[in-house]
N, C-alpha and C. Protein backbone atom coordinates (compact mmCIF):
# COMPACT_ATOMS: atom_id res chain seq x y z
N MET A 1 0.95 -1.23 -0.10
CA MET A 1 -0.02 0.11 0.16
C MET A 1 0.74 1.06 -0.18
N ILE A 2 0.56 2.15 -0.92
CA ILE A 2 1.26 3.53 -0.91
C ILE A 2 0.33 4.49 -0.57
N ALA A 3 0.52 5.21 0.76
CA ALA A 3 -0.46 5.96 1.31
C ALA A 3 -0.20 7.72 1.13
N HIS A 4 -1.22 8.07 1.02
CA HIS A 4 -1.37 9.87 0.95
C HIS A 4 -0.20 10.23 -0.03
N VAL A 5 -0.15 9.51 -1.31
CA VAL A 5 0.60 9.99 -2.44
C VAL A 5 -0.25 10.86 -3.41
N THR A 6 0.47 11.49 -4.12
CA THR A 6 -0.05 12.43 -5.19
C THR A 6 -0.01 11.80 -6.46
N VAL A 7 -0.99 11.48 -7.15
CA VAL A 7 -0.93 10.53 -8.07
C VAL A 7 -1.27 11.62 -9.40
N VAL A 8 -0.28 11.40 -10.34
CA VAL A 8 -0.47 12.23 -11.56
C VAL A 8 -1.43 11.34 -12.50
N ASP A 9 -2.23 12.24 -12.91
CA ASP A 9 -3.30 11.72 -13.71
C ASP A 9 -3.04 12.11 -15.08
N VAL A 10 -2.45 11.44 -15.95
CA VAL A 10 -1.93 12.15 -17.27
C VAL A 10 -2.98 12.09 -18.10
N ALA A 11 -4.16 11.32 -18.08
CA ALA A 11 -5.41 11.62 -18.89
C ALA A 11 -6.06 13.00 -18.63
N LYS A 12 -5.90 13.35 -17.60
CA LYS A 12 -6.70 14.87 -17.32
C LYS A 12 -5.60 15.86 -16.93
N ARG A 13 -4.27 15.22 -16.90
CA ARG A 13 -3.26 16.19 -16.91
C ARG A 13 -3.42 17.19 -15.63
N VAL A 14 -3.44 16.41 -14.42
CA VAL A 14 -3.81 17.26 -13.17
C VAL A 14 -2.91 16.14 -12.25
N PRO A 15 -2.25 16.68 -11.10
CA PRO A 15 -1.96 15.83 -10.04
C PRO A 15 -2.89 15.78 -9.08
N VAL A 16 -3.17 14.59 -8.51
CA VAL A 16 -4.35 14.39 -7.62
C VAL A 16 -3.81 13.98 -6.21
N PRO A 17 -3.84 14.95 -5.27
CA PRO A 17 -3.16 14.45 -3.89
C PRO A 17 -4.03 13.73 -3.11
N GLY A 18 -3.39 13.09 -1.87
CA GLY A 18 -4.13 12.41 -0.98
C GLY A 18 -4.91 11.16 -1.51
N GLN A 19 -3.73 10.31 -2.16
CA GLN A 19 -4.51 9.23 -2.52
C GLN A 19 -3.91 7.86 -1.97
N ASN A 20 -4.52 7.06 -1.83
CA ASN A 20 -4.01 5.62 -1.46
C ASN A 20 -3.98 4.66 -2.96
N VAL A 21 -2.92 3.84 -2.66
CA VAL A 21 -2.77 2.94 -3.94
C VAL A 21 -2.57 1.43 -3.38
N ALA A 22 -3.54 0.61 -3.49
CA ALA A 22 -3.40 -0.77 -3.20
C ALA A 22 -2.47 -1.49 -4.21
N VAL A 23 -1.48 -2.19 -3.65
CA VAL A 23 -0.78 -3.17 -4.62
C VAL A 23 -0.93 -4.67 -3.92
N ARG A 24 -1.16 -5.52 -4.89
CA ARG A 24 -1.29 -6.83 -4.46
C ARG A 24 -0.64 -7.52 -5.69
N GLY A 25 0.46 -8.58 -5.12
CA GLY A 25 1.05 -9.04 -5.93
C GLY A 25 1.85 -8.52 -7.26
N GLY A 26 2.24 -7.35 -6.73
CA GLY A 26 3.04 -6.64 -7.79
C GLY A 26 2.26 -5.68 -8.72
N CYS A 27 0.90 -5.63 -8.60
CA CYS A 27 -0.03 -5.27 -9.45
C CYS A 27 -0.88 -4.12 -8.49
N ILE A 28 -1.24 -2.95 -9.13
CA ILE A 28 -2.02 -1.89 -8.72
C ILE A 28 -3.19 -2.63 -8.81
N VAL A 29 -4.28 -2.53 -7.70
CA VAL A 29 -5.46 -3.20 -7.64
C VAL A 29 -6.64 -2.42 -7.39
N GLN A 30 -6.14 -0.99 -6.57
CA GLN A 30 -7.08 0.06 -6.48
C GLN A 30 -6.18 1.37 -6.21
N VAL A 31 -6.85 2.46 -6.62
CA VAL A 31 -6.36 3.71 -6.55
C VAL A 31 -7.59 4.55 -5.87
N GLY A 32 -7.47 5.64 -5.04
CA GLY A 32 -8.49 6.15 -4.55
C GLY A 32 -8.18 6.95 -3.49
N ASP A 33 -9.06 8.00 -3.09
CA ASP A 33 -8.86 9.10 -2.14
C ASP A 33 -8.63 8.27 -0.69
N THR A 34 -8.00 9.11 0.14
CA THR A 34 -7.51 8.11 1.41
C THR A 34 -8.72 7.90 2.27
N LEU A 35 -9.82 8.37 2.08
CA LEU A 35 -10.89 8.21 2.52
C LEU A 35 -11.90 6.95 2.13
N ALA A 36 -11.75 6.87 0.77
CA ALA A 36 -12.27 5.69 0.14
C ALA A 36 -11.61 4.39 -0.02
N VAL A 37 -10.30 4.28 -0.06
CA VAL A 37 -9.31 3.16 0.04
C VAL A 37 -8.68 3.18 1.29
N ALA A 38 -9.21 2.30 2.16
CA ALA A 38 -8.68 1.88 3.50
C ALA A 38 -7.22 1.03 3.32
N ILE A 39 -6.69 1.37 4.48
CA ILE A 39 -5.31 0.38 4.61
C ILE A 39 -5.79 -0.76 5.29
N PRO A 40 -5.48 -1.80 4.96
CA PRO A 40 -5.51 -3.35 5.50
C PRO A 40 -4.90 -3.06 6.88
N ALA A 41 -5.28 -3.94 7.66
CA ALA A 41 -4.31 -4.05 9.17
C ALA A 41 -3.01 -4.41 9.20
N ARG A 42 -2.95 -5.42 7.99
CA ARG A 42 -1.54 -6.11 8.18
C ARG A 42 -0.62 -5.70 6.81
N ALA A 43 -1.25 -4.65 6.33
CA ALA A 43 -0.33 -4.01 5.07
C ALA A 43 0.95 -3.65 5.15
N GLU A 44 1.92 -3.85 4.07
CA GLU A 44 3.13 -2.96 4.40
C GLU A 44 3.01 -1.60 3.64
N VAL A 45 3.11 -0.58 4.41
CA VAL A 45 2.60 0.89 4.14
C VAL A 45 3.83 1.61 3.55
N VAL A 46 4.10 2.32 2.33
CA VAL A 46 5.03 3.28 2.27
C VAL A 46 4.27 4.55 2.37
N ASP A 47 4.89 5.45 2.96
CA ASP A 47 4.33 6.80 3.30
C ASP A 47 4.82 7.45 1.87
N GLY A 48 3.71 7.95 1.32
CA GLY A 48 3.93 8.81 -0.01
C GLY A 48 3.63 10.18 0.27
N ARG A 49 3.51 10.81 1.39
CA ARG A 49 3.52 12.21 1.52
C ARG A 49 4.75 13.04 0.89
N GLY A 50 4.42 13.92 0.28
CA GLY A 50 5.59 14.69 -0.37
C GLY A 50 5.95 13.98 -1.67
N ARG A 51 5.55 12.89 -2.15
CA ARG A 51 5.97 12.05 -3.38
C ARG A 51 5.07 11.91 -4.51
N PHE A 52 5.17 11.81 -5.54
CA PHE A 52 4.60 11.36 -6.60
C PHE A 52 4.39 10.10 -7.33
N LEU A 53 3.29 9.67 -7.87
CA LEU A 53 3.49 8.39 -8.43
C LEU A 53 2.77 8.72 -9.90
N ILE A 54 3.62 8.26 -10.78
CA ILE A 54 3.27 8.24 -12.30
C ILE A 54 3.21 6.96 -12.96
N PRO A 55 2.65 7.19 -14.00
CA PRO A 55 2.47 5.81 -14.91
C PRO A 55 4.08 5.47 -15.55
N GLY A 56 4.09 4.33 -15.50
CA GLY A 56 5.43 3.80 -16.30
C GLY A 56 5.90 4.65 -17.42
N LEU A 57 7.08 4.99 -17.58
CA LEU A 57 7.53 5.79 -18.79
C LEU A 57 8.21 4.91 -19.86
N TRP A 58 8.27 5.24 -21.14
CA TRP A 58 8.58 4.57 -22.27
C TRP A 58 9.80 5.38 -22.86
N TYR A 59 10.82 4.75 -23.00
CA TYR A 59 11.83 5.30 -23.70
C TYR A 59 11.79 4.51 -25.21
N VAL A 60 11.41 5.20 -26.02
CA VAL A 60 11.17 4.78 -27.45
C VAL A 60 12.29 4.76 -28.41
N HIS A 61 13.33 5.26 -27.89
CA HIS A 61 14.54 5.15 -29.04
C HIS A 61 15.74 5.04 -28.35
N VAL A 62 16.08 3.69 -28.12
CA VAL A 62 17.52 3.30 -27.69
C VAL A 62 18.10 2.49 -28.29
N HIS A 63 19.34 2.23 -28.38
CA HIS A 63 20.12 1.40 -29.15
C HIS A 63 21.04 0.44 -28.12
N ALA A 64 20.35 -0.25 -26.96
CA ALA A 64 20.97 -0.85 -26.12
C ALA A 64 21.47 -2.36 -26.51
N GLN A 65 20.48 -2.79 -27.65
CA GLN A 65 20.69 -4.29 -28.15
C GLN A 65 20.62 -5.30 -26.98
N PHE A 66 19.26 -5.29 -26.62
CA PHE A 66 18.90 -6.13 -25.50
C PHE A 66 18.97 -7.58 -25.74
N ASN A 67 20.28 -8.27 -25.83
CA ASN A 67 20.07 -9.48 -26.19
C ASN A 67 21.13 -10.15 -25.10
N GLY A 68 20.81 -11.35 -24.70
CA GLY A 68 21.73 -12.06 -23.62
C GLY A 68 21.92 -11.41 -22.47
N GLU A 69 23.41 -11.43 -22.07
CA GLU A 69 23.61 -10.43 -20.84
C GLU A 69 23.13 -8.95 -20.83
N GLY A 70 23.12 -8.36 -22.09
CA GLY A 70 22.80 -6.85 -22.14
C GLY A 70 21.44 -6.70 -21.32
N ALA A 71 20.45 -7.84 -21.59
CA ALA A 71 19.06 -7.52 -21.27
C ALA A 71 19.11 -7.79 -19.64
N ARG A 72 19.98 -8.33 -19.31
CA ARG A 72 20.06 -8.73 -17.70
C ARG A 72 20.65 -7.27 -17.03
N VAL A 73 21.28 -6.55 -17.51
CA VAL A 73 21.95 -5.39 -17.15
C VAL A 73 21.35 -4.27 -17.31
N PHE A 74 20.93 -3.92 -18.50
CA PHE A 74 20.06 -2.65 -18.92
C PHE A 74 18.48 -2.68 -18.28
N LEU A 75 17.86 -3.63 -18.52
CA LEU A 75 16.32 -3.55 -17.98
C LEU A 75 16.18 -3.26 -16.88
N PRO A 76 16.89 -3.93 -15.94
CA PRO A 76 16.69 -3.51 -14.11
C PRO A 76 17.06 -1.74 -14.04
N ALA A 77 18.14 -1.44 -14.75
CA ALA A 77 18.31 -0.05 -14.69
C ALA A 77 17.43 0.72 -15.10
N PHE A 78 16.78 0.46 -16.33
CA PHE A 78 15.92 1.08 -16.67
C PHE A 78 14.12 1.28 -15.89
N VAL A 79 14.13 0.07 -15.08
CA VAL A 79 13.02 0.15 -14.20
C VAL A 79 13.56 0.78 -13.09
N ALA A 80 14.33 0.69 -12.75
CA ALA A 80 14.73 1.69 -11.28
C ALA A 80 14.50 3.02 -11.52
N HIS A 81 14.60 3.66 -12.67
CA HIS A 81 14.31 4.92 -13.17
C HIS A 81 12.96 5.36 -13.52
N GLY A 82 12.20 4.14 -13.37
CA GLY A 82 10.61 4.57 -13.85
C GLY A 82 10.44 4.26 -15.13
N VAL A 83 11.30 3.69 -16.04
CA VAL A 83 11.13 3.16 -17.59
C VAL A 83 10.55 1.89 -17.55
N THR A 84 9.16 1.77 -17.89
CA THR A 84 8.89 0.23 -17.74
C THR A 84 8.69 -0.31 -19.09
N GLY A 85 8.77 0.48 -20.18
CA GLY A 85 8.73 -0.01 -21.59
C GLY A 85 9.91 0.63 -22.56
N VAL A 86 10.43 -0.19 -23.36
CA VAL A 86 11.53 0.28 -24.15
C VAL A 86 11.22 -0.08 -25.77
N ARG A 87 11.73 0.72 -26.53
CA ARG A 87 11.85 0.31 -27.84
C ARG A 87 13.15 0.33 -28.45
N ASP A 88 13.68 -0.87 -28.64
CA ASP A 88 15.30 -0.90 -29.16
C ASP A 88 15.44 -0.89 -30.66
N ARG A 89 15.88 0.27 -30.96
CA ARG A 89 15.97 0.64 -32.62
C ARG A 89 17.40 0.14 -32.90
N GLY A 90 18.24 -0.58 -32.12
CA GLY A 90 19.53 -1.00 -32.61
C GLY A 90 19.98 -2.46 -32.37
N GLY A 91 19.04 -3.23 -31.87
CA GLY A 91 19.38 -4.57 -31.71
C GLY A 91 18.80 -5.50 -32.50
N SER A 92 19.07 -6.66 -32.33
CA SER A 92 18.56 -7.68 -32.96
C SER A 92 17.36 -8.20 -32.31
N TRP A 93 16.45 -9.15 -32.97
CA TRP A 93 15.20 -9.58 -32.45
C TRP A 93 15.46 -10.92 -31.77
N THR A 94 16.64 -11.22 -31.52
CA THR A 94 16.80 -12.61 -30.79
C THR A 94 17.05 -12.31 -29.29
N GLY A 95 16.86 -13.16 -28.48
CA GLY A 95 16.81 -12.94 -27.04
C GLY A 95 16.04 -11.89 -26.39
N CYS A 96 15.33 -11.51 -26.99
CA CYS A 96 14.47 -10.10 -26.32
C CYS A 96 13.60 -10.75 -25.20
N VAL A 97 13.68 -9.96 -24.35
CA VAL A 97 12.85 -10.31 -23.07
C VAL A 97 11.23 -9.82 -23.29
N ARG A 98 10.34 -10.70 -22.76
CA ARG A 98 8.79 -10.51 -22.52
C ARG A 98 8.76 -9.99 -21.36
N ARG A 99 7.42 -9.57 -21.08
CA ARG A 99 7.05 -8.87 -20.19
C ARG A 99 6.82 -9.87 -18.89
N ASP A 100 6.77 -10.95 -19.04
CA ASP A 100 6.87 -12.09 -17.95
C ASP A 100 8.34 -12.55 -17.67
N GLY A 101 9.21 -11.75 -18.30
CA GLY A 101 10.62 -12.21 -18.10
C GLY A 101 11.11 -13.32 -18.78
N ARG A 102 10.49 -13.92 -19.30
CA ARG A 102 10.90 -15.05 -20.22
C ARG A 102 11.57 -14.70 -21.47
N PHE A 103 12.35 -15.22 -22.30
CA PHE A 103 12.76 -14.73 -23.36
C PHE A 103 11.94 -15.25 -24.68
N TRP A 104 12.05 -14.56 -25.98
CA TRP A 104 11.41 -14.74 -27.06
C TRP A 104 12.24 -15.74 -27.58
N PRO A 105 11.80 -16.50 -28.57
CA PRO A 105 12.35 -17.58 -29.16
C PRO A 105 13.67 -17.00 -29.87
N GLU A 106 14.42 -17.77 -29.94
CA GLU A 106 15.77 -17.31 -30.51
C GLU A 106 15.54 -16.84 -31.96
N ARG A 107 14.88 -17.22 -32.74
CA ARG A 107 14.42 -16.65 -33.99
C ARG A 107 13.06 -16.54 -34.47
N TRP A 108 12.89 -15.09 -34.77
CA TRP A 108 11.63 -14.65 -35.45
C TRP A 108 11.54 -15.01 -37.04
N SER A 109 10.42 -14.99 -37.39
CA SER A 109 10.24 -15.03 -38.87
C SER A 109 10.50 -13.67 -39.33
N ASP A 110 11.00 -13.47 -40.46
CA ASP A 110 11.16 -12.27 -41.22
C ASP A 110 9.69 -11.19 -41.12
N ARG A 111 8.63 -11.94 -41.39
CA ARG A 111 7.59 -11.18 -41.17
C ARG A 111 7.32 -10.59 -39.84
N ALA A 112 7.52 -11.31 -38.94
CA ALA A 112 7.35 -10.83 -37.53
C ALA A 112 8.38 -9.82 -37.06
N SER A 113 9.41 -9.98 -37.71
CA SER A 113 10.51 -8.83 -37.45
C SER A 113 10.17 -7.50 -38.03
N ARG A 114 9.33 -7.62 -39.14
CA ARG A 114 8.97 -6.36 -39.79
C ARG A 114 7.77 -5.82 -39.13
N ALA A 115 6.71 -6.60 -38.89
CA ALA A 115 5.79 -6.10 -38.20
C ALA A 115 5.97 -5.36 -36.94
N ALA A 116 6.72 -6.09 -35.83
CA ALA A 116 7.20 -5.58 -34.72
C ALA A 116 8.03 -4.22 -34.99
N ASP A 117 8.71 -4.05 -36.16
CA ASP A 117 9.75 -2.92 -36.17
C ASP A 117 9.04 -1.82 -36.94
N SER A 118 7.93 -2.15 -37.39
CA SER A 118 7.46 -1.05 -38.27
C SER A 118 6.62 0.16 -37.51
N GLY A 119 6.46 -0.14 -36.39
CA GLY A 119 5.79 1.02 -35.55
C GLY A 119 6.23 2.18 -35.20
């Protein structure tokens, strides 16, 4: 639970102070005013007063070549700085890491590479 934090609502383009954010299993399950979202008795609580909570950031033009050991080194550093999504413009499509932490198959078809790279 993150208590009394200011949540940045990017859709409305406003900071919303005095929010409680319930986290279960590493996922946000509820966000709301401190009066609406109760803190469970045995919850681990992070005091968010004076702090801001923002959506995960995207870094859309990196040349880190996330394959093999590079992924194990670079990806945790991005997450530590709030970057939860990246678009690697300089790497190969072999050994890419999926959201669940597993690696993609060693070889994608040419068609899949073009489709994923075209965005």
